[in-house]
Amino acid sequence: LHFPTGALCAVATSTQYEALSLLKEVLGEKCVLGFHPLFGPTVKNTYGQLVALCDYRKDCYLHDSLRGLLVKSGLQISVLSAKEHDKYMSYVQVLTHFILLSFMDLISKEEFSLDDLIKVKTPPFQLLSAFASRMLLGSPLTYASIQDTDQAKMVRDKLIGRMIKLNECFDSSDVNRMSNRIENIKAPFSGPLLEELSQFSILSVNAVQELEK
């Protein structure tokens, strides 16, 4: 394998650990860096977007040069290990995609159409439909490969397990019990981040409504 001296191999994959481990054996640790842009091809302006750098070494000139170039381009950088990346992405990507696909799969099997539902849309429904539609217009093979890992299966199974328990609670017809269950879900997330994300949803809804005027 010919690899030019002073070159850096940036691994731009949704799962990093396996690919990085293989390439490090061939090229060496200093010549390989995990590089995962956390935004899709439909983003018109990459300024302020997030890129994950995996197994970044501050003492490595090649690694540091790429990071500096990305920062200069206006990108935000998140540095973490390849194992951490794959664990977190199993929730950020796998879980999100699975929920969106399940949402659209259910609607596609009903007697009414998405067009019918949009006529009586709420802002959250519209945004959920929008993100799901964005997925369906993307590459099925890409989304399928993201789901094709042991970690992905574990997260899907966990989600289904939690949904079954939540459904059992809601089937109880005990409003107080249901309300307490929702409070229990909220409890671990209390804090500034929850408020910040809530404000982001408000801004998103406002932006959509401005476009529709």
C-alpha atoms as a PDB file:
ATOM      1  CA  LEU A   1       0.000   0.000   0.000  1.00  0.00           C
ATOM      2  CA  HIS A   2       1.520   3.332  -1.098  1.00  0.00           C
ATOM      3  CA  PHE A   3       0.745   6.205   1.244  1.00  0.00           C
ATOM      4  CA  PRO A   4       2.585   9.522   0.756  1.00  0.00           C
ATOM      5  CA  THR A   5       4.781  10.757   3.597  1.00  0.00           C
ATOM      6  CA  GLY A   6       3.076  13.556   5.498  1.00  0.00           C
ATOM      7  CA  ALA A   7      -0.419  12.545   4.365  1.00  0.00           C
ATOM      8  CA  LEU A   8      -3.326  11.954   6.732  1.00  0.00           C
ATOM      9  CA  CYS A   9      -6.121   9.436   6.213  1.00  0.00           C
ATOM     10  CA  ALA A  10      -9.392  10.914   7.560  1.00  0.00           C
ATOM     11  CA  VAL A  11     -11.971   8.182   8.137  1.00  0.00           C
ATOM     12  CA  ALA A  12     -15.412   9.675   7.420  1.00  0.00           C
ATOM     13  CA  THR A  13     -17.704   6.839   8.520  1.00  0.00           C
ATOM     14  CA  SER A  14     -20.758   6.640  10.783  1.00  0.00           C
ATOM     15  CA  THR A  15     -19.078   3.953  12.883  1.00  0.00           C
ATOM     16  CA  GLN A  16     -15.419   4.601  13.621  1.00  0.00           C
ATOM     17  CA  TYR A  17     -13.802   2.012  15.874  1.00  0.00           C
ATOM     18  CA  GLU A  18     -13.520  -0.922  13.468  1.00  0.00           C
ATOM     19  CA  ALA A  19     -12.360   1.157  10.503  1.00  0.00           C
ATOM     20  CA  LEU A  20      -9.839   3.144  12.562  1.00  0.00           C
ATOM     21  CA  SER A  21      -8.400   0.006  14.166  1.00  0.00           C
ATOM     22  CA  LEU A  22      -7.853  -1.609  10.775  1.00  0.00           C
ATOM     23  CA  LEU A  23      -6.231   1.440   9.176  1.00  0.00           C
ATOM     24  CA  LYS A  24      -4.005   2.125  12.179  1.00  0.00           C
ATOM     25  CA  GLU A  25      -2.519  -1.354  11.799  1.00  0.00           C
ATOM     26  CA  VAL A  26      -1.646  -0.592   8.175  1.00  0.00           C
ATOM     27  CA  LEU A  27      -0.708   3.099   8.271  1.00  0.00           C
ATOM     28  CA  GLY A  28       0.153   3.852  11.907  1.00  0.00           C
ATOM     29  CA  GLU A  29      -1.716   5.892  14.499  1.00  0.00           C
ATOM     30  CA  LYS A  30      -0.331   9.286  13.453  1.00  0.00           C
ATOM     31  CA  CYS A  31      -1.472   8.864   9.848  1.00  0.00           C
ATOM     32  CA  VAL A  32      -5.109   8.070  10.686  1.00  0.00           C
ATOM     33  CA  LEU A  33      -7.823  10.190  12.281  1.00  0.00           C
ATOM     34  CA  GLY A  34     -11.548   9.611  12.684  1.00  0.00           C
ATOM     35  CA  PHE A  35     -13.519  12.339  10.922  1.00  0.00           C
ATOM     36  CA  HIS A  36     -17.324  12.288  11.087  1.00  0.00           C
ATOM     37  CA  PRO A  37     -19.270  15.336   9.828  1.00  0.00           C
ATOM     38  CA  LEU A  38     -22.469  15.394  11.913  1.00  0.00           C
ATOM     39  CA  PHE A  39     -24.611  17.026   9.252  1.00  0.00           C
ATOM     40  CA  GLY A  40     -26.114  15.818   5.991  1.00  0.00           C
ATOM     41  CA  PRO A  41     -25.412  16.729   2.361  1.00  0.00           C
ATOM     42  CA  THR A  42     -28.463  19.009   2.243  1.00  0.00           C
ATOM     43  CA  VAL A  43     -26.804  21.552   4.569  1.00  0.00           C
ATOM     44  CA  LYS A  44     -25.976  24.564   2.385  1.00  0.00           C
ATOM     45  CA  ASN A  45     -23.686  26.371   4.824  1.00  0.00           C
ATOM     46  CA  THR A  46     -21.318  24.310   6.967  1.00  0.00           C
ATOM     47  CA  TYR A  47     -20.365  27.271   9.195  1.00  0.00           C
ATOM     48  CA  GLY A  48     -21.129  26.377  12.825  1.00  0.00           C
ATOM     49  CA  GLN A  49     -21.795  22.711  11.999  1.00  0.00           C
ATOM     50  CA  LEU A  50     -20.325  19.950  14.153  1.00  0.00           C
ATOM     51  CA  VAL A  51     -17.567  17.500  13.239  1.00  0.00           C
ATOM     52  CA  ALA A  52     -16.485  14.625  15.477  1.00  0.00           C
ATOM     53  CA  LEU A  53     -12.757  13.858  15.555  1.00  0.00           C
ATOM     54  CA  CYS A  54     -12.035  10.371  16.886  1.00  0.00           C
ATOM     55  CA  ASP A  55      -8.782   9.248  18.544  1.00  0.00           C
ATOM     56  CA  TYR A  56      -7.348  12.733  18.025  1.00  0.00           C
ATOM     57  CA  ARG A  57      -3.794  13.226  19.290  1.00  0.00           C
ATOM     58  CA  LYS A  58      -2.886  16.752  20.299  1.00  0.00           C
ATOM     59  CA  ASP A  59       0.826  15.961  20.046  1.00  0.00           C
ATOM     60  CA  CYS A  60       0.463  14.881  16.407  1.00  0.00           C
ATOM     61  CA  TYR A  61       1.176  17.566  13.802  1.00  0.00           C
ATOM     62  CA  LEU A  62      -1.093  15.983  11.172  1.00  0.00           C
ATOM     63  CA  HIS A  63      -4.025  15.674  13.568  1.00  0.00           C
ATOM     64  CA  ASP A  64      -3.556  19.189  14.887  1.00  0.00           C
ATOM     65  CA  SER A  65      -3.250  20.640  11.368  1.00  0.00           C
ATOM     66  CA  LEU A  66      -6.586  19.154  10.283  1.00  0.00           C
ATOM     67  CA  ARG A  67      -8.298  20.357  13.438  1.00  0.00           C
ATOM     68  CA  GLY A  68      -6.919  23.858  12.900  1.00  0.00           C
ATOM     69  CA  LEU A  69      -8.148  23.885   9.296  1.00  0.00           C
ATOM     70  CA  LEU A  70     -11.642  22.807  10.371  1.00  0.00           C
ATOM     71  CA  VAL A  71     -11.829  25.448  13.111  1.00  0.00           C
ATOM     72  CA  LYS A  72     -10.644  28.116  10.661  1.00  0.00           C
ATOM     73  CA  SER A  73     -13.469  27.029   8.329  1.00  0.00           C
ATOM     74  CA  GLY A  74     -15.994  27.801  11.063  1.00  0.00           C
ATOM     75  CA  LEU A  75     -16.778  24.235  12.100  1.00  0.00           C
ATOM     76  CA  GLN A  76     -17.302  23.166  15.701  1.00  0.00           C
ATOM     77  CA  ILE A  77     -15.158  20.248  16.853  1.00  0.00           C
ATOM     78  CA  SER A  78     -16.090  17.453  19.248  1.00  0.00           C
ATOM     79  CA  VAL A  79     -13.116  15.295  20.289  1.00  0.00           C
ATOM     80  CA  LEU A  80     -13.722  11.770  21.625  1.00  0.00           C
ATOM     81  CA  SER A  81     -12.460   8.216  21.339  1.00  0.00           C
ATOM     82  CA  ALA A  82     -13.689   5.944  18.565  1.00  0.00           C
ATOM     83  CA  LYS A  83     -15.405   3.698  21.124  1.00  0.00           C
ATOM     84  CA  GLU A  84     -17.203   6.668  22.684  1.00  0.00           C
ATOM     85  CA  HIS A  85     -18.213   7.887  19.247  1.00  0.00           C
ATOM     86  CA  ASP A  86     -19.769   4.571  18.234  1.00  0.00           C
ATOM     87  CA  LYS A  87     -21.591   4.257  21.559  1.00  0.00           C
ATOM     88  CA  TYR A  88     -23.037   7.769  21.381  1.00  0.00           C
ATOM     89  CA  MET A  89     -23.934   7.527  17.683  1.00  0.00           C
ATOM     90  CA  SER A  90     -25.995   4.437  18.411  1.00  0.00           C
ATOM     91  CA  TYR A  91     -28.354   6.865  20.154  1.00  0.00           C
ATOM     92  CA  VAL A  92     -27.817  10.030  18.104  1.00  0.00           C
ATOM     93  CA  GLN A  93     -28.201   8.265  14.732  1.00  0.00           C
ATOM     94  CA  VAL A  94     -29.531   4.735  15.211  1.00  0.00           C
ATOM     95  CA  LEU A  95     -32.221   5.633  17.738  1.00  0.00           C
ATOM     96  CA  THR A  96     -33.311   8.768  15.874  1.00  0.00           C
ATOM     97  CA  HIS A  97     -33.480   7.046  12.493  1.00  0.00           C
ATOM     98  CA  PHE A  98     -35.354   4.054  13.900  1.00  0.00           C
ATOM     99  CA  ILE A  99     -37.987   6.275  15.525  1.00  0.00           C
ATOM    100  CA  LEU A 100     -38.459   8.293  12.320  1.00  0.00           C
ATOM    101  CA  LEU A 101     -38.706   5.188  10.139  1.00  0.00           C
ATOM    102  CA  SER A 102     -41.179   3.570  12.546  1.00  0.00           C
ATOM    103  CA  PHE A 103     -43.259   6.757  12.521  1.00  0.00           C
ATOM    104  CA  MET A 104     -43.490   6.789   8.714  1.00  0.00           C
ATOM    105  CA  ASP A 105     -43.933   3.024   8.490  1.00  0.00           C
ATOM    106  CA  LEU A 106     -47.041   3.200  10.669  1.00  0.00           C
ATOM    107  CA  ILE A 107     -48.528   6.095   8.687  1.00  0.00           C
ATOM    108  CA  SER A 108     -47.838   4.322   5.394  1.00  0.00           C
ATOM    109  CA  LYS A 109     -49.992   1.367   6.481  1.00  0.00           C
ATOM    110  CA  GLU A 110     -53.019   3.397   7.579  1.00  0.00           C
ATOM    111  CA  GLU A 111     -56.170   4.061   5.526  1.00  0.00           C
ATOM    112  CA  PHE A 112     -55.423   7.795   5.339  1.00  0.00           C
ATOM    113  CA  SER A 113     -52.449   9.536   3.762  1.00  0.00           C
ATOM    114  CA  LEU A 114     -49.766  11.868   5.082  1.00  0.00           C
ATOM    115  CA  ASP A 115     -51.453  14.595   3.008  1.00  0.00           C
ATOM    116  CA  ASP A 116     -54.621  14.116   5.087  1.00  0.00           C
ATOM    117  CA  LEU A 117     -52.711  14.467   8.353  1.00  0.00           C
ATOM    118  CA  ILE A 118     -50.817  17.557   7.207  1.00  0.00           C
ATOM    119  CA  LYS A 119     -54.181  19.311   6.778  1.00  0.00           C
ATOM    120  CA  VAL A 120     -54.575  19.198  10.576  1.00  0.00           C
ATOM    121  CA  LYS A 121     -50.871  19.304  11.478  1.00  0.00           C
ATOM    122  CA  THR A 122     -49.436  20.545  14.744  1.00  0.00           C
ATOM    123  CA  PRO A 123     -45.918  22.075  14.688  1.00  0.00           C
ATOM    124  CA  PRO A 124     -44.301  18.990  16.345  1.00  0.00           C
ATOM    125  CA  PHE A 125     -46.029  16.658  13.874  1.00  0.00           C
ATOM    126  CA  GLN A 126     -44.904  18.783  10.952  1.00  0.00           C
ATOM    127  CA  LEU A 127     -41.287  18.844  12.131  1.00  0.00           C
ATOM    128  CA  LEU A 128     -41.267  15.095  12.818  1.00  0.00           C
ATOM    129  CA  SER A 129     -42.761  14.449   9.366  1.00  0.00           C
ATOM    130  CA  ALA A 130     -40.184  16.777   7.819  1.00  0.00           C
ATOM    131  CA  PHE A 131     -37.193  14.981   9.341  1.00  0.00           C
ATOM    132  CA  ALA A 132     -38.674  11.589   8.468  1.00  0.00           C
ATOM    133  CA  SER A 133     -39.261  12.715   4.878  1.00  0.00           C
ATOM    134  CA  ARG A 134     -35.661  13.950   4.671  1.00  0.00           C
ATOM    135  CA  MET A 135     -34.566  10.428   5.589  1.00  0.00           C
ATOM    136  CA  LEU A 136     -36.815   8.761   3.029  1.00  0.00           C
ATOM    137  CA  LEU A 137     -35.364  10.963   0.290  1.00  0.00           C
ATOM    138  CA  GLY A 138     -31.845   9.923   1.291  1.00  0.00           C
ATOM    139  CA  SER A 139     -29.934   6.717   0.598  1.00  0.00           C
ATOM    140  CA  PRO A 140     -31.705   3.587   1.962  1.00  0.00           C
ATOM    141  CA  LEU A 141     -28.399   1.713   1.858  1.00  0.00           C
ATOM    142  CA  THR A 142     -26.697   4.321   4.058  1.00  0.00           C
ATOM    143  CA  TYR A 143     -29.460   4.242   6.670  1.00  0.00           C
ATOM    144  CA  ALA A 144     -29.585   0.441   6.554  1.00  0.00           C
ATOM    145  CA  SER A 145     -25.836   0.147   7.160  1.00  0.00           C
ATOM    146  CA  ILE A 146     -26.102   2.424  10.205  1.00  0.00           C
ATOM    147  CA  GLN A 147     -28.631  -0.024  11.697  1.00  0.00           C
ATOM    148  CA  ASP A 148     -26.465  -3.055  10.885  1.00  0.00           C
ATOM    149  CA  THR A 149     -24.318  -3.299  14.038  1.00  0.00           C
ATOM    150  CA  ASP A 150     -24.590  -5.165  17.331  1.00  0.00           C
ATOM    151  CA  GLN A 151     -24.730  -1.846  19.182  1.00  0.00           C
ATOM    152  CA  ALA A 152     -27.609  -0.681  16.956  1.00  0.00           C
ATOM    153  CA  LYS A 153     -29.602  -3.832  17.660  1.00  0.00           C
ATOM    154  CA  MET A 154     -29.053  -3.424  21.404  1.00  0.00           C
ATOM    155  CA  VAL A 155     -30.357   0.169  21.321  1.00  0.00           C
ATOM    156  CA  ARG A 156     -33.407  -0.784  19.214  1.00  0.00           C
ATOM    157  CA  ASP A 157     -34.209  -3.611  21.620  1.00  0.00           C
ATOM    158  CA  LYS A 158     -33.870  -1.246  24.583  1.00  0.00           C
ATOM    159  CA  LEU A 159     -36.217   1.248  22.949  1.00  0.00           C
ATOM    160  CA  ILE A 160     -38.850  -1.375  22.185  1.00  0.00           C
ATOM    161  CA  GLY A 161     -38.616  -2.643  25.764  1.00  0.00           C
ATOM    162  CA  ARG A 162     -39.139   0.851  27.177  1.00  0.00           C
ATOM    163  CA  MET A 163     -42.022   1.490  24.773  1.00  0.00           C
ATOM    164  CA  ILE A 164     -43.769  -1.718  25.852  1.00  0.00           C
ATOM    165  CA  LYS A 165     -43.502  -0.715  29.525  1.00  0.00           C
ATOM    166  CA  LEU A 166     -44.731   2.814  28.744  1.00  0.00           C
ATOM    167  CA  ASN A 167     -47.628   1.434  26.731  1.00  0.00           C
ATOM    168  CA  GLU A 168     -48.608  -0.851  29.618  1.00  0.00           C
ATOM    169  CA  CYS A 169     -48.680   2.164  31.927  1.00  0.00           C
ATOM    170  CA  PHE A 170     -50.832   4.169  29.512  1.00  0.00           C
ATOM    171  CA  ASP A 171     -53.168   1.178  29.080  1.00  0.00           C
ATOM    172  CA  SER A 172     -53.910   1.296  32.798  1.00  0.00           C
ATOM    173  CA  SER A 173     -56.426   4.146  32.330  1.00  0.00           C
ATOM    174  CA  ASP A 174     -55.010   5.582  35.564  1.00  0.00           C
ATOM    175  CA  VAL A 175     -54.313   9.223  34.693  1.00  0.00           C
ATOM    176  CA  ASN A 176     -52.390   9.859  37.905  1.00  0.00           C
ATOM    177  CA  ARG A 177     -50.159   6.873  37.268  1.00  0.00           C
ATOM    178  CA  MET A 178     -49.593   8.024  33.684  1.00  0.00           C
ATOM    179  CA  SER A 179     -48.794  11.550  34.854  1.00  0.00           C
ATOM    180  CA  ASN A 180     -46.301  10.238  37.424  1.00  0.00           C
ATOM    181  CA  ARG A 181     -44.654   8.124  34.724  1.00  0.00           C
ATOM    182  CA  ILE A 182     -44.146  11.208  32.563  1.00  0.00           C
ATOM    183  CA  GLU A 183     -42.711  13.090  35.562  1.00  0.00           C
ATOM    184  CA  ASN A 184     -40.288  10.190  36.132  1.00  0.00           C
ATOM    185  CA  ILE A 185     -39.135  10.431  32.522  1.00  0.00           C
ATOM    186  CA  LYS A 186     -38.559  14.155  32.908  1.00  0.00           C
ATOM    187  CA  ALA A 187     -36.717  14.012  36.262  1.00  0.00           C
ATOM    188  CA  PRO A 188     -33.195  13.007  35.054  1.00  0.00           C
ATOM    189  CA  PHE A 189     -33.221  15.768  32.421  1.00  0.00           C
ATOM    190  CA  SER A 190     -34.061  18.701  34.674  1.00  0.00           C
ATOM    191  CA  GLY A 191     -31.511  21.464  34.201  1.00  0.00           C
ATOM    192  CA  PRO A 192     -30.285  24.114  31.771  1.00  0.00           C
ATOM    193  CA  LEU A 193     -29.848  21.711  28.833  1.00  0.00           C
ATOM    194  CA  LEU A 194     -33.521  20.722  28.907  1.00  0.00           C
ATOM    195  CA  GLU A 195     -34.515  24.389  28.819  1.00  0.00           C
ATOM    196  CA  GLU A 196     -32.014  25.113  26.046  1.00  0.00           C
ATOM    197  CA  LEU A 197     -33.353  22.293  23.862  1.00  0.00           C
ATOM    198  CA  SER A 198     -36.916  23.389  24.552  1.00  0.00           C
ATOM    199  CA  GLN A 199     -36.056  26.898  23.369  1.00  0.00           C
ATOM    200  CA  PHE A 200     -34.535  25.416  20.217  1.00  0.00           C
ATOM    201  CA  SER A 201     -37.851  23.717  19.463  1.00  0.00           C
ATOM    202  CA  ILE A 202     -39.654  27.041  19.899  1.00  0.00           C
ATOM    203  CA  LEU A 203     -37.244  28.741  17.482  1.00  0.00           C
ATOM    204  CA  SER A 204     -37.727  25.910  14.985  1.00  0.00           C
ATOM    205  CA  VAL A 205     -41.518  26.184  15.155  1.00  0.00           C
ATOM    206  CA  ASN A 206     -41.352  29.962  14.786  1.00  0.00           C
ATOM    207  CA  ALA A 207     -39.079  29.644  11.757  1.00  0.00           C
ATOM    208  CA  VAL A 208     -41.475  27.208  10.077  1.00  0.00           C
ATOM    209  CA  GLN A 209     -44.445  29.423  10.758  1.00  0.00           C
ATOM    210  CA  GLU A 210     -42.648  32.455   9.331  1.00  0.00           C
ATOM    211  CA  LEU A 211     -41.974  30.540   6.116  1.00  0.00           C
ATOM    212  CA  GLU A 212     -45.648  29.644   5.797  1.00  0.00           C
ATOM    213  CA  LYS A 213     -46.920  33.213   6.093  1.00  0.00           C
END
